[in-house]
Protein backbone atom coordinates (compact mmCIF):
# COMPACT_ATOMS: atom_id res chain seq x y z
CA UNK A 1 10.04 13.22 56.21
CA UNK A 2 11.61 13.65 52.81
CA UNK A 3 15.37 13.22 52.19
CA UNK A 4 15.49 16.84 51.16
CA UNK A 5 14.38 18.00 54.69
CA UNK A 6 16.91 15.72 56.26
CA UNK A 7 19.83 17.11 54.39
CA UNK A 8 18.95 20.62 54.82
CA UNK A 9 18.34 20.25 58.51
CA UNK A 10 21.65 18.42 59.01
CA UNK A 11 23.56 21.25 57.35
CA UNK A 12 21.85 24.33 58.61
CA UNK A 13 20.31 23.35 61.97
CA UNK A 14 22.75 20.69 63.32
CA UNK A 15 25.73 22.44 61.78
CA UNK A 16 27.27 19.19 60.48
CA UNK A 17 30.15 19.22 57.97
CA UNK A 18 29.28 18.99 54.27
CA UNK A 19 31.60 16.06 53.85
CA UNK A 20 29.94 14.18 56.81
CA UNK A 21 26.36 14.73 55.39
CA UNK A 22 27.59 13.49 51.94
CA UNK A 23 28.84 10.24 53.46
CA UNK A 24 25.74 9.55 55.72
CA UNK A 25 23.06 10.24 53.01
CA UNK A 26 25.07 9.05 49.95
CA UNK A 27 24.52 12.32 47.86
CA UNK A 28 26.77 14.43 45.71
CA UNK A 29 28.27 17.76 46.77
CA UNK A 30 26.59 19.62 43.99
CA UNK A 31 23.14 18.54 44.89
CA UNK A 32 23.74 19.31 48.52
CA UNK A 33 24.83 22.89 47.79
CA UNK A 34 21.79 23.19 45.36
CA UNK A 35 19.44 22.27 48.09
CA UNK A 36 20.98 24.64 50.67
CA UNK A 37 20.83 27.48 48.14
CA UNK A 38 17.24 26.59 47.26
CA UNK A 39 16.25 26.74 50.82
CA UNK A 40 17.79 30.08 51.45
CA UNK A 41 15.97 31.42 48.32
CA UNK A 42 12.47 29.92 48.77
CA UNK A 43 12.20 28.63 52.30
CA UNK A 44 10.06 25.60 53.06
CA UNK A 45 9.17 25.04 49.38
CA UNK A 46 12.57 23.57 48.99
CA UNK A 47 11.49 20.45 50.92
CA UNK A 48 8.91 19.30 48.29
CA UNK A 49 10.34 17.51 45.11
CA UNK A 50 9.76 19.37 41.84
CA UNK A 51 8.78 18.04 38.48
CA UNK A 52 11.40 17.21 35.98
CA UNK A 53 9.35 18.04 32.97
CA UNK A 54 11.03 20.39 30.60
CA UNK A 55 9.65 23.95 30.42
CA UNK A 56 9.28 23.68 26.63
CA UNK A 57 8.62 20.82 24.22
CA UNK A 58 8.96 21.75 20.68
CA UNK A 59 7.90 18.26 19.32
CA UNK A 60 4.66 18.21 21.29
CA UNK A 61 1.33 17.88 19.31
CA UNK A 62 -0.17 21.33 18.90
CA UNK A 63 -3.32 22.04 20.92
CA UNK A 64 -5.24 22.70 17.71
CA UNK A 65 -4.42 19.30 16.38
CA UNK A 66 -5.45 17.66 19.63
CA UNK A 67 -8.75 19.33 19.49
CA UNK A 68 -9.16 18.25 15.89
CA UNK A 69 -8.59 14.67 16.88
CA UNK A 70 -11.17 14.79 19.50
CA UNK A 71 -13.67 16.39 17.17
CA UNK A 72 -13.07 13.71 14.43
CA UNK A 73 -13.56 11.05 17.05
CA UNK A 74 -16.92 12.38 18.04
CA UNK A 75 -18.11 12.91 14.50
CA UNK A 76 -17.10 9.43 13.23
CA UNK A 77 -18.68 7.85 16.29
CA UNK A 78 -21.93 9.64 15.79
CA UNK A 79 -22.04 8.51 12.18
CA UNK A 80 -21.56 4.89 13.12
CA UNK A 81 -18.23 4.61 11.40
CA UNK A 82 -14.92 3.27 12.68
CA UNK A 83 -13.08 5.89 14.86
CA UNK A 84 -9.86 4.11 15.59
CA UNK A 85 -6.31 5.58 15.42
CA UNK A 86 -5.69 4.53 11.85
CA UNK A 87 -8.97 5.93 10.60
CA UNK A 88 -8.25 9.30 12.42
CA UNK A 89 -4.90 9.54 11.12
CA UNK A 90 -6.22 8.75 7.50
CA UNK A 91 -8.80 11.58 7.82
CA UNK A 92 -6.15 14.06 9.15
CA UNK A 93 -3.73 13.32 6.26
CA UNK A 94 -6.49 13.20 3.62
CA UNK A 95 -8.72 16.11 4.46
CA UNK A 96 -6.76 18.35 6.89
CA UNK A 97 -3.17 17.95 5.60
CA UNK A 98 -1.86 16.87 9.12
CA UNK A 99 0.43 13.87 9.20
CA UNK A 100 0.59 12.04 12.58
CA UNK A 101 1.43 8.40 13.44
CA UNK A 102 -1.11 5.93 14.83
CA UNK A 103 0.74 5.92 18.11
CA UNK A 104 0.41 9.64 18.55
CA UNK A 105 -3.28 9.64 17.77
CA UNK A 106 -3.88 6.80 20.24
CA UNK A 107 -1.87 8.65 22.98
CA UNK A 108 -4.06 11.75 22.41
CA UNK A 109 -7.19 9.70 22.68
CA UNK A 110 -6.08 7.89 25.84
CA UNK A 111 -5.10 11.17 27.55
CA UNK A 112 -8.55 12.57 26.66
CA UNK A 113 -10.25 9.64 28.23
CA UNK A 114 -11.97 8.60 24.90
CA UNK A 115 -10.65 5.05 24.88
CA UNK A 116 -12.30 2.48 27.10
CA UNK A 117 -9.67 -0.15 28.09
CA UNK A 118 -10.70 -3.81 27.33
CA UNK A 119 -8.06 -6.00 28.82
CA UNK A 120 -10.30 -9.10 28.45
CA UNK A 121 -10.22 -8.95 24.68
CA UNK A 122 -8.07 -11.55 22.97
CA UNK A 123 -4.92 -9.91 21.30
CA UNK A 124 -4.71 -9.90 17.69
CA UNK A 125 -1.30 -11.85 17.72
CA UNK A 126 -3.11 -14.98 18.95
CA UNK A 127 -5.01 -15.37 15.65
CA UNK A 128 -3.65 -16.96 12.42
CA UNK A 129 -4.14 -14.41 9.75
CA UNK A 130 -4.36 -15.07 6.09
CA UNK A 131 -4.95 -12.93 3.05
CA UNK A 132 -5.35 -13.46 -0.63
CA UNK A 133 -2.51 -12.19 -2.73
CA UNK A 134 -4.66 -10.84 -5.73
CA UNK A 135 -8.20 -9.54 -6.12
CA UNK A 136 -10.73 -12.18 -7.16
CA UNK A 137 -8.58 -14.84 -5.74
CA UNK A 138 -10.92 -15.57 -2.92
CA UNK A 139 -14.50 -14.37 -2.15
CA UNK A 140 -15.99 -14.49 1.26
CA UNK A 141 -19.66 -14.70 1.86
CA UNK A 142 -22.16 -14.69 4.76
CA UNK A 143 -25.59 -13.32 5.74
CA UNK A 144 -26.72 -11.50 8.93
CA UNK A 145 -30.01 -10.45 10.62
CA UNK A 146 -31.30 -6.99 11.11
CA UNK A 147 -34.63 -5.83 12.66
CA UNK A 148 -36.68 -3.29 10.78
CA UNK A 149 -38.53 -0.34 12.41
CA UNK A 150 -41.84 -2.30 12.30
CA UNK A 151 -40.34 -5.30 14.13
CA UNK A 152 -39.89 -7.40 11.08
CA UNK A 153 -36.67 -9.44 10.76
CA UNK A 154 -34.64 -9.03 7.60
CA UNK A 155 -31.42 -10.67 6.36
CA UNK A 156 -28.56 -9.21 4.60
CA UNK A 157 -26.39 -11.10 2.22
CA UNK A 158 -22.82 -10.05 1.47
CA UNK A 159 -20.08 -11.05 -1.02
CA UNK A 160 -16.63 -9.70 -0.05
CA UNK A 161 -13.28 -9.73 -1.77
CA UNK A 162 -10.64 -11.23 0.58
CA UNK A 163 -7.74 -9.26 -0.83
CA UNK A 164 -9.00 -5.73 -1.31
CA UNK A 165 -11.93 -5.91 1.35
CA UNK A 166 -14.21 -4.51 -1.33
CA UNK A 167 -17.89 -5.19 -0.87
CA UNK A 168 -18.97 -6.76 -4.13
CA UNK A 169 -22.60 -7.31 -3.30
CA UNK A 170 -24.77 -6.50 -0.34
CA UNK A 171 -28.53 -7.16 -0.68
CA UNK A 172 -31.50 -7.29 1.79
CA UNK A 173 -34.00 -10.03 1.74
CA UNK A 174 -36.94 -11.23 3.94
CA UNK A 175 -35.08 -14.52 4.02
CA UNK A 176 -31.80 -15.71 2.32
CA UNK A 177 -32.41 -18.92 0.40
CA UNK A 178 -30.24 -21.08 -2.04
CA UNK A 179 -31.70 -19.49 -5.31
CA UNK A 180 -30.97 -16.02 -3.82
CA UNK A 181 -27.40 -16.90 -3.12
CA UNK A 182 -26.91 -18.27 -6.65
CA UNK A 183 -28.57 -15.13 -8.15
CA UNK A 184 -26.35 -12.68 -6.31
CA UNK A 185 -23.27 -14.71 -7.00
CA UNK A 186 -23.97 -14.63 -10.77
CA UNK A 187 -24.71 -10.86 -10.68
CA UNK A 188 -21.36 -10.34 -8.90
CA UNK A 189 -19.53 -12.57 -11.44
CA UNK A 190 -21.05 -10.55 -14.19
CA UNK A 191 -19.63 -7.33 -12.74
CA UNK A 192 -16.36 -8.32 -11.29
CA UNK A 193 -15.35 -11.59 -13.00
CA UNK A 194 -15.07 -15.17 -11.91
CA UNK A 195 -13.21 -15.84 -8.63
CA UNK A 196 -10.60 -18.41 -8.25
CA UNK A 197 -12.24 -19.74 -4.94
CA UNK A 198 -14.98 -18.95 -2.40
CA UNK A 199 -14.89 -19.13 1.35
CA UNK A 200 -18.05 -19.53 3.46
CA UNK A 201 -19.37 -21.20 6.55
CA UNK A 202 -21.45 -24.34 6.61
CA UNK A 203 -24.86 -22.87 6.11
CA UNK A 204 -27.33 -24.97 4.02
CA UNK A 205 -27.53 -22.14 1.42
CA UNK A 206 -23.73 -22.48 0.80
CA UNK A 207 -23.04 -26.13 1.18
CA UNK A 208 -24.75 -29.52 1.95
CA UNK A 209 -21.76 -31.50 3.17
CA UNK A 210 -23.32 -31.78 6.70
CA UNK A 211 -26.79 -32.63 5.50
CA UNK A 212 -26.27 -36.41 5.80
CA UNK A 213 -26.00 -37.03 2.14
CA UNK A 214 -29.60 -36.15 1.37
CA UNK A 215 -30.27 -34.09 -1.72
CA UNK A 216 -26.69 -34.08 -3.29
CA UNK A 217 -25.30 -30.59 -4.17
CA UNK A 218 -27.13 -27.42 -3.69
CA UNK A 219 -27.44 -24.51 -6.28
CA UNK A 220 -24.27 -22.75 -5.28
CA UNK A 221 -22.16 -25.92 -5.28
CA UNK A 222 -23.45 -26.76 -8.68
CA UNK A 223 -22.75 -23.23 -9.99
CA UNK A 224 -19.23 -23.31 -8.55
CA UNK A 225 -18.49 -26.63 -10.11
CA UNK A 226 -19.78 -25.52 -13.55
CA UNK A 227 -17.33 -22.53 -13.38
CA UNK A 228 -14.51 -24.60 -11.91
CA UNK A 229 -14.29 -22.44 -8.78
CA UNK A 230 -12.74 -24.07 -5.68
CA UNK A 231 -15.17 -24.08 -2.81
CA UNK A 232 -13.71 -23.65 0.72
CA UNK A 233 -15.66 -23.90 3.95
CA UNK A 234 -14.70 -23.15 7.57
CA UNK A 235 -14.77 -25.58 10.30
CA UNK A 236 -17.89 -25.65 12.48
CA UNK A 237 -17.83 -23.21 15.50
CA UNK A 238 -14.93 -21.28 13.91
CA UNK A 239 -16.30 -17.88 12.76
CA UNK A 240 -12.79 -16.32 12.86
CA UNK A 241 -11.98 -18.29 9.44
CA UNK A 242 -14.43 -15.89 7.75
CA UNK A 243 -13.46 -12.95 9.98
CA UNK A 244 -13.26 -10.37 7.16
CA UNK A 245 -16.81 -10.63 6.13
CA UNK A 246 -17.87 -10.91 9.81
CA UNK A 247 -15.98 -7.67 10.52
CA UNK A 248 -17.68 -6.04 7.57
CA UNK A 249 -21.16 -7.00 9.08
CA UNK A 250 -20.21 -5.50 12.33
CA UNK A 251 -19.31 -2.13 10.60
CA UNK A 252 -22.45 -2.28 8.55
CA UNK A 253 -24.81 -2.83 11.36
CA UNK A 254 -23.20 -0.23 13.56
CA UNK A 255 -23.76 2.22 10.67
CA UNK A 256 -27.37 1.29 10.26
CA UNK A 257 -28.15 1.74 13.91
CA UNK A 258 -26.54 5.13 13.85
CA UNK A 259 -29.02 6.35 11.22
CA UNK A 260 -31.71 8.85 12.30
CA UNK A 261 -34.38 7.09 10.39
CA UNK A 262 -34.56 3.37 10.64
CA UNK A 263 -35.78 1.46 7.60
CA UNK A 264 -39.37 0.11 7.82
CA UNK A 265 -39.30 -2.08 4.69
CA UNK A 266 -36.88 -4.13 2.55
CA UNK A 267 -36.76 -1.45 -0.10
CA UNK A 268 -35.66 1.19 2.51
CA UNK A 269 -33.12 -1.04 3.96
CA UNK A 270 -31.67 -1.69 0.41
CA UNK A 271 -31.45 2.04 -0.18
CA UNK A 272 -29.35 2.45 2.97
CA UNK A 273 -27.19 -0.43 2.06
CA UNK A 274 -26.37 1.23 -1.38
CA UNK A 275 -25.44 4.39 0.52
CA UNK A 276 -23.17 2.52 2.88
CA UNK A 277 -21.50 0.62 -0.05
CA UNK A 278 -20.66 3.97 -1.58
CA UNK A 279 -19.15 5.15 1.66
CA UNK A 280 -17.33 1.88 2.38
CA UNK A 281 -15.87 1.23 -1.04
CA UNK A 282 -15.03 4.78 -2.14
CA UNK A 283 -14.58 7.20 0.79
CA UNK A 284 -13.65 5.39 4.00
CA UNK A 285 -10.22 3.86 4.71
CA UNK A 286 -9.59 0.20 5.42
CA UNK A 287 -7.86 -0.16 8.77
CA UNK A 288 -6.56 -3.63 8.03
CA UNK A 289 -4.71 -2.57 5.00
CA UNK A 290 -1.52 -0.37 4.81
CA UNK A 291 -2.89 1.44 1.63
CA UNK A 292 -6.12 1.23 -0.35
CA UNK A 293 -6.14 -1.78 -2.59
CA UNK A 294 -9.18 -1.30 -4.70
CA UNK A 295 -7.94 -1.61 -8.36
CA UNK A 296 -9.44 0.46 -11.14
CA UNK A 297 -9.97 -2.63 -13.16
CA UNK A 298 -11.09 -5.37 -10.87
CA UNK A 299 -10.89 -8.12 -13.42
CA UNK A 300 -7.57 -9.55 -12.35
CA UNK A 301 -9.07 -12.95 -13.16
CA UNK A 302 -10.50 -13.56 -16.64
CA UNK A 303 -14.14 -13.01 -16.81
CA UNK A 304 -16.74 -15.67 -17.66
CA UNK A 305 -16.17 -17.30 -21.02
CA UNK A 306 -14.71 -20.36 -22.61
CA UNK A 307 -12.54 -22.86 -20.84
CA UNK A 308 -9.34 -21.46 -22.57
CA UNK A 309 -9.78 -18.22 -20.72
CA UNK A 310 -9.48 -19.67 -17.28
CA UNK A 311 -6.26 -19.45 -15.31
CA UNK A 312 -3.62 -22.14 -15.75
CA UNK A 313 -3.58 -23.01 -11.99
CA UNK A 314 -7.16 -24.10 -12.03
CA UNK A 315 -7.89 -27.46 -13.65
CA UNK A 316 -11.38 -29.17 -13.79
CA UNK A 317 -11.78 -32.21 -11.73
CA UNK A 318 -14.40 -34.79 -12.35
CA UNK A 319 -14.66 -35.78 -8.74
CA UNK A 320 -13.14 -32.96 -6.38
CA UNK A 321 -11.94 -34.42 -3.09
CA UNK A 322 -14.06 -33.77 0.03
CA UNK A 323 -12.94 -30.45 1.71
CA UNK A 324 -13.78 -31.81 5.18
CA UNK A 325 -11.05 -34.45 4.89
CA UNK A 326 -8.21 -32.19 3.65
CA UNK A 327 -5.20 -32.11 5.91
CA UNK A 328 -6.24 -34.95 8.26
CA UNK A 329 -3.28 -36.66 9.89
CA UNK A 330 -2.75 -39.43 12.44
CA UNK A 331 -1.77 -38.77 15.91
CA UNK A 332 2.11 -38.83 16.27
CA UNK A 333 1.70 -41.84 18.67
CA UNK A 334 -0.39 -43.77 16.13
CA UNK A 335 1.80 -43.32 13.06
CA UNK A 336 3.58 -46.41 11.76
CA UNK A 337 7.22 -46.14 12.10
CA UNK A 338 9.22 -46.89 8.89
CA UNK A 339 10.81 -50.32 8.65
CA UNK A 340 14.32 -50.76 10.26
CA UNK A 341 15.95 -51.67 6.88
CA UNK A 342 14.89 -48.25 5.43
CA UNK A 343 16.75 -46.32 8.13
CA UNK A 344 20.22 -47.73 7.10
CA UNK A 345 22.07 -46.28 4.14
CA UNK A 346 22.13 -48.36 0.97
CA UNK A 347 25.51 -50.05 0.71
CA UNK A 348 24.80 -51.89 -2.61
CA UNK A 349 26.71 -50.61 -5.64
CA UNK A 350 24.60 -48.74 -8.19
CA UNK A 351 25.28 -50.40 -11.58
CA UNK A 352 23.76 -47.57 -13.59
CA UNK A 353 26.17 -45.16 -12.38
CA UNK A 354 29.75 -46.59 -12.55
CA UNK A 355 31.19 -43.42 -10.92
CA UNK A 356 29.48 -44.30 -7.65
CA UNK A 357 30.16 -48.08 -7.32
CA UNK A 358 29.60 -48.09 -3.52
CA UNK A 359 31.94 -49.27 -0.79
CA UNK A 360 33.98 -52.34 -1.51
CA UNK A 361 33.05 -55.57 0.28
CA UNK A 362 34.23 -59.19 0.30
CA UNK A 363 32.68 -61.80 -1.88
CA UNK A 364 31.59 -63.79 1.10
CA UNK A 365 30.01 -60.84 2.94
CA UNK A 366 26.29 -60.98 3.36
CA UNK A 367 24.12 -58.25 2.05
CA UNK A 368 21.70 -58.12 4.95
CA UNK A 369 21.60 -59.55 8.35
CA UNK A 370 18.24 -61.21 7.79
CA UNK A 371 19.35 -63.01 4.55
CA UNK A 372 20.32 -66.80 5.11
CA UNK A 373 23.90 -67.68 5.30
CA UNK A 374 25.44 -68.67 1.92
CA UNK A 375 27.52 -71.90 1.68
CA UNK A 376 31.29 -71.58 1.44
CA UNK A 377 31.69 -74.52 -1.12
CA UNK A 378 29.63 -75.27 -4.10
CA UNK A 379 27.64 -78.33 -3.65
CA UNK A 380 28.46 -81.41 -5.78
CA UNK A 381 26.24 -84.07 -7.32
CA UNK A 382 28.55 -87.06 -6.85
CA UNK A 383 27.80 -89.64 -4.24
CA UNK A 384 29.68 -89.30 -1.04
CA UNK A 385 32.79 -91.69 -0.70
CA UNK A 386 34.15 -93.23 2.44
CA UNK A 387 37.53 -91.86 3.38
CA UNK A 388 39.02 -93.70 6.41
CA UNK A 389 41.12 -91.96 8.76
CA UNK A 390 44.90 -92.76 8.19
CA UNK A 391 47.99 -92.04 10.18
CA UNK A 392 51.36 -91.08 8.95
CA UNK A 393 53.03 -94.35 10.18
CA UNK A 394 50.56 -96.68 8.38
CA UNK A 395 50.63 -97.89 4.81
CA UNK A 396 47.38 -98.04 2.96
CA UNK A 397 46.69 -100.43 0.16
CA UNK A 398 44.44 -98.47 -2.23
CA UNK A 399 43.72 -101.53 -4.34
CA UNK A 400 42.07 -103.68 -1.77
CA UNK A 401 41.36 -101.10 0.69
CA UNK A 402 43.06 -103.00 3.51
CA UNK A 403 45.58 -101.80 6.03
CA UNK A 404 48.97 -103.57 6.06
CA UNK A 405 51.13 -103.22 9.09
CA UNK A 406 54.92 -103.64 8.64
CA UNK A 407 56.48 -106.81 10.17
CA UNK A 408 59.16 -106.06 12.64
CA UNK A 409 62.54 -107.69 11.97
CA UNK A 410 63.86 -109.94 14.62
């Protein structure tokens, strides 16, 4: 039984006083009279609680905009493109002149049942994010596999700018080899300039540091060394380090699978890749960036040329240090503690700076507790002499060194 029914029954049926009902059920006088008036007007419908939702909501999203959000979600999903709240909000602002926040779009998608909850996914806040400050500061590279219509396996090699997320080069090959990596890198350098550094995984086409010292440097390492480009590699089994190019490959393969006609050869796959690059670099938004960061002139770092044109912060090194040993530290329990004498302040006067002579100390004071004790008297080179003990009542003859006792008078 609801509280409304109890209050109304106590007043109208049991004929109890209003003051007594207010004290028993801890309610206000105004609400009690409101329930009684509602029961007399509507009858038993007054026993059920009513919604507190306002009758009008001027700030609510218009129904036409809600329908537009649903339609954009469906179209982008069918095309194989990202259809998240940021992307839909960008399309609404760019193509339809409607400005909505990401939260509003996400609320509309959730209310329509178009978002599948995934509580098992790792939150973004748990990852350590990094991003280059300028274009051409860091290039990421990786290759992925894609199966053609005839069942043949193809590999797609990608070079991606870390700052602007611009796809610099995306090519299809039957198999990615070391010479292919060097050729695509040189072609990207000729178009976009020399990068300051590169970031890849530990594939043999990128680095040979895990090959056991056999064969020396590969083609890419030699080319990067010639151009004085810093090479960075992720740790084994840590694909999130190269997460930007990994995310690009996910978007690329999702778009390729959504195409009505699947490629049957490497040439057809390359044609689709060129179409995707046009869509990715020129038309679609980047959800990880607050605003498009594709510069008109991508040559923020000087292009290939003489050594004087290179940036000042990159210096050639004859023997660069191994990247796999950078940042290695001992365990805190294995670190050697500093010597005890380095923990105490220096109490000795500084003779080079007379303004800071140091604290005064006595001449006989030792400098350190570990130093040997200094003698109080200066040592002499003379032979030791015999000094017999004398008493005040005795006379000493210093000539013959004999003691003379006085003769008592009788």
